[in-house]
Amino acid sequence: MDGSEDLSQLSRVDQMSQSTKEYTAEILSVEGNKATIKLGDKTKTLMATPNAITDILKHKLPIKGKIKIRKNFRGISQISSFSPITKPVKIPKTQLKEQTPQKSDMKQNYALIQKPDKVKRKVSLKHVLVPSDTKSTLNHIDGVDNFYLSLTKFAPFGLDKEKKKFTVFLMDKNQIIVSNLPIRYDEWVTKINEKIVNIAKSMDGFCFKVSVSDKLIVGLGEATVNEVGMRLHFVHGFPYIPSTSIKGSFRSFILEKYFDFDEKEALQDEGFKAIFGGTSNQDDLDKEDGVSGSVIFYDAFPLEKPTIEPDFMTVHFRDYYEHNGKNPPVDTDQPNPISFLTVKNTSFQICLSLLRNPDFKQTAIEGLDPDCFLESVKELLKQSLAENGLGAKTNVGYGRLISLQKNK
């Protein structure tokens, strides 16, 4: 079919379950998971699969090409594939050889996709342990390029023939983690941050920027096949700090500094309850009739492309710990290094807003002012992030976040 056919033919696609039609069309623009196409003298906006979006965004728009349209599992017609009519840019063999890392340079054997300006690596499905029906469903793709999926769901197994185990991550010869951030990362993370700022400001809130002073570990205990995890955005695959982590670490800081970890004493303090919430029944603090706090904490997303770096912790007396102390901790035990992922050289945006105006007169928390409540909470939170940090292994210096804005 050529591009002169009327768009009315597309309606037939909606009526044909599990059918696929091919058209010659011009891709005008892409917004999220939708593509605006021109077929003949008419335009139409259709849903598109992630693979189709990725293939389209490899080229400068507008561009003519062949598109395939099929129904997804909800019965909605969407673009399933795209291939340009124009010939792709040819890369000289000498340049291709320089840009493509040799097998000896890679710690593991991953599939490679060559592009003119960079090399993008995908986790090959060949060595992935998933149910057979899942693998057969995904047999039309050549690999997984989402870092969240490749780390948590599609981790390769058995790439090292001597050690039958899962591969935690891939590093190139420069010891740089291959995190496969999405092509439109800058656009997506900017929109997410702008949306959070607008929501916070609409509720009398504000935001401030912090930077990781050394390394940050968030989500180390996430359930993955690798036994060590990392908190990643489940759609876009980049690391972020959940609001629960920010609030939880802040609460622990206040408990330690002003209440000596006495939970019952803290829950009787009006200032503490104004921030974090508590119980309305002072006589029975264990009774579940709690009230929410007045402060809303938001997820913190990176302001630039994050640097993901491996780190290691080594268990020196493995036999002693595995047998609950039955065997003595002796120097003949083999050290057991465990690798995990950290974030460094990255800035995040922390946002707070006010759910309601607090009503308290006295509090043991120094610097907490009911007249400028949210501002004083912000300064206390900055102190918490700088002194106690958040995430895992804060006792050995990880997770410190330094404010990039000077106090007024």
Protein backbone atom coordinates (compact mmCIF):
# COMPACT_ATOMS: atom_id res chain seq x y z
CA MET A 1 0.00 0.00 0.00
CA ASP A 2 1.22 3.50 -0.72
CA GLY A 3 0.72 6.78 1.13
CA SER A 4 -2.09 7.95 -1.17
CA GLU A 5 -4.61 5.58 0.42
CA ASP A 6 -7.28 7.23 2.53
CA LEU A 7 -7.13 7.12 6.33
CA SER A 8 -10.50 5.39 6.34
CA GLN A 9 -8.62 2.18 5.66
CA LEU A 10 -7.18 2.45 9.16
CA SER A 11 -10.64 1.85 10.61
CA ARG A 12 -10.53 -1.66 9.18
CA VAL A 13 -7.52 -2.35 11.38
CA ASP A 14 -9.69 -1.73 14.45
CA GLN A 15 -12.13 -4.36 13.26
CA MET A 16 -9.57 -7.07 12.62
CA SER A 17 -8.40 -8.82 15.80
CA GLN A 18 -4.74 -9.85 15.84
CA SER A 19 -4.27 -8.43 12.30
CA THR A 20 -1.36 -6.37 11.05
CA LYS A 21 -1.38 -3.89 8.16
CA GLU A 22 1.55 -2.10 6.59
CA TYR A 23 1.39 1.50 5.38
CA THR A 24 3.72 4.03 3.89
CA ALA A 25 3.39 7.17 6.00
CA GLU A 26 5.23 10.25 7.18
CA ILE A 27 5.97 10.51 10.90
CA LEU A 28 5.39 14.13 11.89
CA SER A 29 5.98 14.12 15.64
CA VAL A 30 6.18 11.92 18.76
CA GLU A 31 4.73 12.78 22.14
CA GLY A 32 5.16 10.20 24.89
CA ASN A 33 3.86 6.88 23.56
CA LYS A 34 1.90 8.47 20.69
CA ALA A 35 2.98 9.30 17.14
CA THR A 36 1.32 11.71 14.73
CA ILE A 37 1.44 10.40 11.18
CA LYS A 38 0.46 11.77 7.78
CA LEU A 39 -1.14 9.38 5.33
CA GLY A 40 -2.05 11.01 2.05
CA ASP A 41 -3.51 14.41 2.87
CA LYS A 42 -4.78 13.50 6.35
CA THR A 43 -3.15 13.18 9.75
CA LYS A 44 -3.85 10.85 12.65
CA THR A 45 -2.41 10.29 16.12
CA LEU A 46 -1.88 6.65 17.11
CA MET A 47 -0.44 4.80 20.06
CA ALA A 48 2.96 3.21 19.41
CA THR A 49 4.93 0.42 21.08
CA PRO A 50 8.17 1.30 22.91
CA ASN A 51 10.21 -0.43 20.19
CA ALA A 52 8.47 1.60 17.49
CA ILE A 53 9.00 4.85 19.42
CA THR A 54 12.68 4.01 19.85
CA ASP A 55 13.09 3.26 16.14
CA ILE A 56 11.33 6.51 15.17
CA LEU A 57 13.41 8.67 17.53
CA LYS A 58 16.63 7.41 15.95
CA HIS A 59 15.85 9.73 13.03
CA LYS A 60 15.22 13.42 12.56
CA LEU A 61 11.50 14.18 12.21
CA PRO A 62 9.56 14.41 9.99
CA ILE A 63 10.55 11.24 8.16
CA LYS A 64 8.85 8.89 5.72
CA GLY A 65 8.84 5.17 6.27
CA LYS A 66 6.97 1.91 6.51
CA ILE A 67 4.76 1.43 9.57
CA LYS A 68 2.93 -1.66 10.76
CA ILE A 69 -0.33 -1.26 12.69
CA ARG A 70 -1.82 -3.95 14.88
CA LYS A 71 -4.08 -4.27 17.92
CA ASN A 72 -2.61 -4.45 21.40
CA PHE A 73 -4.01 -6.65 24.16
CA ARG A 74 -6.65 -4.01 24.96
CA GLY A 75 -7.90 -4.01 21.38
CA ILE A 76 -6.44 -0.57 20.61
CA SER A 77 -4.72 -0.07 17.26
CA GLN A 78 -1.10 0.98 17.59
CA ILE A 79 2.07 1.28 15.55
CA SER A 80 4.12 -1.84 16.20
CA SER A 81 7.16 -1.14 14.01
CA PHE A 82 8.77 1.53 11.86
CA SER A 83 11.45 1.39 9.21
CA PRO A 84 12.61 4.44 7.22
CA ILE A 85 12.43 4.57 3.46
CA THR A 86 15.61 6.62 3.28
CA LYS A 87 18.83 4.69 3.51
CA PRO A 88 20.45 4.62 6.97
CA VAL A 89 23.73 6.40 7.58
CA LYS A 90 26.62 4.14 6.71
CA ILE A 91 29.44 3.98 9.20
CA PRO A 92 32.97 3.48 7.85
CA LYS A 93 34.45 0.16 8.90
CA THR A 94 37.38 1.90 10.57
CA GLN A 95 35.03 4.05 12.64
CA LEU A 96 32.80 1.07 13.44
CA LYS A 97 35.80 -0.87 14.71
CA GLU A 98 36.85 2.03 16.95
CA GLN A 99 33.37 2.56 18.41
CA THR A 100 32.44 -1.08 18.99
CA PRO A 101 34.15 -2.58 22.06
CA GLN A 102 35.85 -5.88 21.46
CA LYS A 103 34.73 -8.98 23.36
CA SER A 104 37.87 -8.78 25.46
CA ASP A 105 36.85 -5.29 26.59
CA MET A 106 33.49 -6.44 27.93
CA LYS A 107 33.15 -8.38 31.16
CA GLN A 108 30.10 -10.23 29.80
CA ASN A 109 28.76 -11.13 26.37
CA TYR A 110 25.87 -8.73 25.75
CA ALA A 111 24.16 -7.90 22.49
CA LEU A 112 25.36 -4.64 20.90
CA ILE A 113 23.48 -2.16 18.76
CA GLN A 114 25.72 0.22 16.82
CA LYS A 115 24.71 3.83 16.28
CA PRO A 116 26.74 6.61 14.60
CA ASP A 117 27.35 8.56 17.86
CA LYS A 118 27.37 5.89 20.56
CA VAL A 119 27.15 2.21 21.36
CA LYS A 120 23.99 1.07 23.11
CA ARG A 121 23.99 -2.27 24.89
CA LYS A 122 21.01 -4.53 25.40
CA VAL A 123 20.67 -7.54 27.63
CA SER A 124 20.25 -10.50 25.29
CA LEU A 125 17.27 -12.75 26.04
CA LYS A 126 19.34 -15.80 25.17
CA HIS A 127 20.67 -16.17 28.72
CA VAL A 128 17.65 -14.83 30.61
CA LEU A 129 15.70 -17.21 32.86
CA VAL A 130 12.02 -16.43 32.34
CA PRO A 131 8.95 -18.63 31.79
CA SER A 132 8.81 -20.16 28.33
CA ASP A 133 5.57 -18.37 27.42
CA THR A 134 7.15 -15.04 28.37
CA LYS A 135 10.20 -15.72 26.26
CA SER A 136 8.07 -16.78 23.28
CA THR A 137 6.02 -13.59 23.61
CA LEU A 138 9.19 -11.51 23.52
CA ASN A 139 10.92 -13.41 20.74
CA HIS A 140 10.34 -10.52 18.31
CA ILE A 141 12.69 -8.19 20.24
CA ASP A 142 16.47 -8.46 20.23
CA GLY A 143 17.04 -7.59 23.88
CA VAL A 144 16.06 -5.58 26.94
CA ASP A 145 17.34 -2.00 27.03
CA ASN A 146 15.47 -0.83 30.15
CA PHE A 147 17.88 -0.73 33.10
CA TYR A 148 15.13 -1.50 35.63
CA LEU A 149 14.06 -4.64 33.73
CA SER A 150 17.60 -5.79 32.96
CA LEU A 151 18.57 -5.46 36.63
CA THR A 152 15.48 -6.87 38.35
CA LYS A 153 13.56 -9.11 35.93
CA PHE A 154 15.80 -10.06 33.01
CA ALA A 155 19.22 -10.52 34.61
CA PRO A 156 21.33 -12.94 32.52
CA PHE A 157 22.27 -16.26 34.06
CA GLY A 158 25.24 -18.48 33.32
CA LEU A 159 27.30 -16.11 31.18
CA ASP A 160 30.32 -17.21 33.16
CA LYS A 161 30.54 -20.93 32.44
CA GLU A 162 32.69 -21.57 35.49
CA LYS A 163 30.27 -19.87 37.91
CA LYS A 164 26.60 -20.55 37.32
CA LYS A 165 25.03 -17.40 38.74
CA PHE A 166 23.21 -14.22 37.77
CA THR A 167 25.12 -11.29 36.31
CA VAL A 168 24.43 -8.24 38.46
CA PHE A 169 25.53 -5.56 36.01
CA LEU A 170 27.66 -4.89 32.96
CA MET A 171 30.78 -2.75 32.97
CA ASP A 172 32.88 -1.64 30.05
CA LYS A 173 36.69 -1.61 30.08
CA ASN A 174 36.68 1.78 31.87
CA GLN A 175 34.68 0.31 34.79
CA ILE A 176 31.63 2.37 33.84
CA ILE A 177 28.20 0.87 34.47
CA VAL A 178 26.11 0.43 31.33
CA SER A 179 22.77 1.74 32.63
CA ASN A 180 20.94 2.21 29.30
CA LEU A 181 19.14 5.42 30.20
CA PRO A 182 16.29 6.15 27.78
CA ILE A 183 16.97 8.16 24.64
CA ARG A 184 14.62 10.94 25.78
CA TYR A 185 15.91 10.93 29.37
CA ASP A 186 16.55 14.69 29.59
CA GLU A 187 13.07 15.51 28.32
CA TRP A 188 11.28 13.02 30.57
CA VAL A 189 13.11 13.84 33.81
CA THR A 190 12.65 17.58 33.17
CA LYS A 191 8.89 17.11 32.76
CA ILE A 192 8.68 14.99 35.92
CA ASN A 193 10.57 17.58 37.97
CA GLU A 194 8.51 20.45 36.56
CA LYS A 195 5.29 18.62 37.40
CA ILE A 196 6.35 18.01 41.00
CA VAL A 197 7.43 21.65 41.42
CA ASN A 198 4.08 22.89 40.12
CA ILE A 199 2.16 20.57 42.46
CA ALA A 200 4.27 21.59 45.47
CA LYS A 201 3.92 25.32 44.76
CA SER A 202 0.16 25.00 44.28
CA MET A 203 0.04 23.73 47.89
CA ASP A 204 2.19 26.53 49.37
CA GLY A 205 5.33 24.42 49.07
CA PHE A 206 8.79 24.85 47.61
CA CYS A 207 11.80 22.85 46.43
CA PHE A 208 15.54 22.88 47.00
CA LYS A 209 18.45 21.12 45.35
CA VAL A 210 20.88 18.72 47.00
CA SER A 211 23.97 16.92 45.72
CA VAL A 212 25.40 13.53 46.68
CA SER A 213 28.61 14.27 48.58
CA ASP A 214 30.13 10.84 47.92
CA LYS A 215 27.88 7.86 47.16
CA LEU A 216 24.20 7.11 47.65
CA ILE A 217 22.59 3.67 48.09
CA VAL A 218 18.80 3.52 47.79
CA GLY A 219 16.91 0.25 47.52
CA LEU A 220 19.75 -2.11 48.45
CA GLY A 221 17.19 -4.52 49.90
CA GLU A 222 14.95 -4.48 46.81
CA ALA A 223 13.78 -7.95 45.79
CA THR A 224 15.82 -8.99 42.76
CA VAL A 225 17.39 -12.17 41.45
CA ASN A 226 20.77 -10.68 42.39
CA GLU A 227 20.00 -10.45 46.14
CA VAL A 228 21.14 -6.81 46.08
CA GLY A 229 18.99 -4.15 44.48
CA MET A 230 18.66 -0.50 43.59
CA ARG A 231 15.58 1.73 43.57
CA LEU A 232 14.88 2.50 39.90
CA HIS A 233 11.92 4.11 38.18
CA PHE A 234 9.88 1.16 36.91
CA VAL A 235 9.04 2.89 33.60
CA HIS A 236 12.12 4.93 32.69
CA GLY A 237 14.77 2.91 34.52
CA PHE A 238 16.71 5.74 36.22
CA PRO A 239 17.46 5.92 39.98
CA TYR A 240 15.41 8.16 42.27
CA ILE A 241 14.78 8.71 46.00
CA PRO A 242 11.29 7.69 47.18
CA SER A 243 9.40 10.12 49.39
CA THR A 244 9.11 7.39 52.03
CA SER A 245 12.92 7.23 52.29
CA ILE A 246 13.17 11.00 52.72
CA LYS A 247 10.46 11.12 55.37
CA GLY A 248 11.71 8.00 57.17
CA SER A 249 15.33 9.16 57.43
CA PHE A 250 14.16 12.62 58.56
CA ARG A 251 11.94 11.07 61.23
CA SER A 252 14.82 8.94 62.53
CA PHE A 253 17.04 12.04 62.70
CA ILE A 254 14.48 13.95 64.78
CA LEU A 255 13.85 10.93 67.02
CA GLU A 256 17.56 10.50 67.73
CA LYS A 257 18.47 14.15 68.22
CA TYR A 258 15.56 15.45 70.27
CA PHE A 259 13.91 12.37 71.85
CA ASP A 260 16.77 9.88 72.26
CA PHE A 261 14.80 7.33 70.19
CA ASP A 262 11.90 7.43 72.66
CA GLU A 263 8.93 6.85 70.35
CA LYS A 264 6.26 7.41 72.99
CA GLU A 265 7.78 10.69 74.09
CA ALA A 266 7.99 11.86 70.48
CA LEU A 267 4.35 10.99 69.78
CA GLN A 268 3.33 13.21 72.67
CA ASP A 269 5.18 16.19 71.18
CA GLU A 270 2.89 18.47 69.16
CA GLY A 271 5.66 19.62 66.84
CA PHE A 272 6.68 16.05 66.03
CA LYS A 273 3.08 15.10 65.26
CA ALA A 274 2.67 18.23 63.13
CA ILE A 275 5.48 17.01 60.84
CA PHE A 276 5.06 13.24 60.80
CA GLY A 277 1.63 12.56 62.25
CA GLY A 278 0.83 10.38 65.22
CA THR A 279 -2.03 9.23 67.39
CA SER A 280 -4.88 11.32 68.73
CA ASN A 281 -5.19 9.12 71.82
CA GLN A 282 -2.56 10.28 74.32
CA ASP A 283 -3.54 7.58 76.84
CA ASP A 284 -3.03 4.66 74.45
CA LEU A 285 -0.21 5.40 72.00
CA ASP A 286 -0.38 1.88 70.53
CA LYS A 287 -3.99 2.30 69.46
CA GLU A 288 -4.42 2.68 65.72
CA ASP A 289 -6.34 5.94 65.47
CA GLY A 290 -3.53 8.05 64.03
CA VAL A 291 -3.63 11.43 62.36
CA SER A 292 -1.53 12.42 59.36
CA GLY A 293 1.21 15.01 59.49
CA SER A 294 0.98 18.48 57.96
CA VAL A 295 3.97 18.06 55.61
CA ILE A 296 3.83 16.32 52.22
CA PHE A 297 7.10 14.77 51.03
CA TYR A 298 7.66 14.08 47.31
CA ASP A 299 9.83 11.63 45.38
CA ALA A 300 13.21 13.18 44.50
CA PHE A 301 14.37 12.77 40.91
CA PRO A 302 17.85 13.50 39.51
CA LEU A 303 18.49 16.84 37.82
CA GLU A 304 21.01 15.42 35.38
CA LYS A 305 22.04 12.03 34.07
CA PRO A 306 23.10 10.07 37.16
CA THR A 307 26.44 8.32 37.47
CA ILE A 308 25.99 4.71 38.57
CA GLU A 309 29.10 3.10 40.04
CA PRO A 310 29.73 -0.35 41.51
CA ASP A 311 30.92 -0.82 45.07
CA PHE A 312 31.75 -3.88 47.13
CA MET A 313 31.37 -5.17 50.66
CA THR A 314 33.38 -8.22 51.71
CA VAL A 315 32.37 -10.86 54.23
CA HIS A 316 35.63 -12.18 55.72
CA PHE A 317 34.20 -14.96 57.90
CA ARG A 318 31.62 -16.48 55.60
CA ASP A 319 31.56 -19.92 57.25
CA TYR A 320 31.02 -18.34 60.68
CA TYR A 321 27.99 -16.32 59.59
CA GLU A 322 26.41 -19.01 57.42
CA HIS A 323 26.35 -21.47 60.33
CA ASN A 324 25.14 -18.96 62.95
CA GLY A 325 28.43 -18.94 64.85
CA LYS A 326 28.79 -22.72 65.15
CA ASN A 327 32.10 -22.61 63.27
CA PRO A 328 34.84 -20.30 64.58
CA PRO A 329 35.80 -17.11 62.63
CA VAL A 330 39.27 -18.04 61.44
CA ASP A 331 41.60 -16.53 58.86
CA THR A 332 41.41 -19.64 56.68
CA ASP A 333 37.91 -18.61 55.51
CA GLN A 334 37.74 -17.32 51.96
CA PRO A 335 36.55 -13.68 51.71
CA ASN A 336 33.23 -13.30 49.92
CA PRO A 337 32.97 -9.96 48.05
CA ILE A 338 29.42 -8.82 47.31
CA SER A 339 28.88 -6.18 44.64
CA PHE A 340 26.14 -3.54 44.68
CA LEU A 341 25.32 -0.32 42.84
CA THR A 342 25.64 3.28 44.05
CA VAL A 343 24.80 6.73 42.70
CA LYS A 344 27.44 9.46 42.72
CA ASN A 345 28.10 12.92 41.22
CA THR A 346 24.34 13.49 40.97
CA SER A 347 22.00 16.26 42.13
CA PHE A 348 18.41 15.72 43.24
CA GLN A 349 15.44 18.01 43.76
CA ILE A 350 13.71 17.78 47.17
CA CYS A 351 10.16 19.18 47.38
CA LEU A 352 7.87 19.82 50.34
CA SER A 353 4.36 21.22 50.62
CA LEU A 354 1.81 21.95 53.32
CA LEU A 355 -1.24 19.77 53.76
CA ARG A 356 -2.72 22.06 56.40
CA ASN A 357 -1.53 24.76 58.81
CA PRO A 358 -0.30 23.16 62.05
CA ASP A 359 -1.64 24.23 65.42
CA PHE A 360 0.90 23.82 68.22
CA LYS A 361 2.53 26.11 70.77
CA GLN A 362 5.39 24.14 72.29
CA THR A 363 7.79 21.52 70.98
CA ALA A 364 11.09 19.96 71.98
CA ILE A 365 12.37 20.27 68.41
CA GLU A 366 14.73 23.25 68.30
CA GLY A 367 14.20 25.60 65.38
CA LEU A 368 10.67 24.37 64.58
CA ASP A 369 8.58 27.55 64.36
CA PRO A 370 4.78 27.34 63.96
CA ASP A 371 4.74 30.84 62.37
CA CYS A 372 7.06 29.79 59.52
CA PHE A 373 6.47 26.08 59.85
CA LEU A 374 7.41 24.72 56.41
CA GLU A 375 10.51 26.91 56.15
CA SER A 376 11.78 25.63 59.49
CA VAL A 377 11.02 22.04 58.45
CA LYS A 378 13.10 22.60 55.31
CA GLU A 379 16.11 23.77 57.34
CA LEU A 380 15.81 20.79 59.67
CA LEU A 381 15.56 18.44 56.67
CA LYS A 382 18.71 19.98 55.14
CA GLN A 383 20.50 19.33 58.42
CA SER A 384 19.24 15.74 58.48
CA LEU A 385 20.37 15.01 54.92
CA ALA A 386 23.82 16.49 55.52
CA GLU A 387 24.49 14.91 58.93
CA ASN A 388 22.63 11.58 58.88
CA GLY A 389 22.01 11.10 55.16
CA LEU A 390 19.55 8.56 53.81
CA GLY A 391 19.54 5.14 52.24
CA ALA A 392 21.75 2.20 53.22
CA LYS A 393 25.13 2.16 54.99
CA THR A 394 24.84 5.73 56.32
CA ASN A 395 26.90 4.73 59.38
CA VAL A 396 29.98 4.36 57.16
CA GLY A 397 29.51 7.62 55.27
CA TYR A 398 27.13 6.80 52.43
CA GLY A 399 24.02 8.81 51.60
CA ARG A 400 25.10 12.32 52.62
CA LEU A 401 23.25 14.98 50.63
CA ILE A 402 24.52 18.56 50.70
CA SER A 403 22.21 21.49 49.90
CA LEU A 404 23.23 23.50 46.83
CA GLN A 405 21.40 26.59 48.10
CA LYS A 406 22.86 28.80 50.81
CA ASN A 407 20.72 29.63 53.79
CA LYS A 408 19.24 33.08 53.82
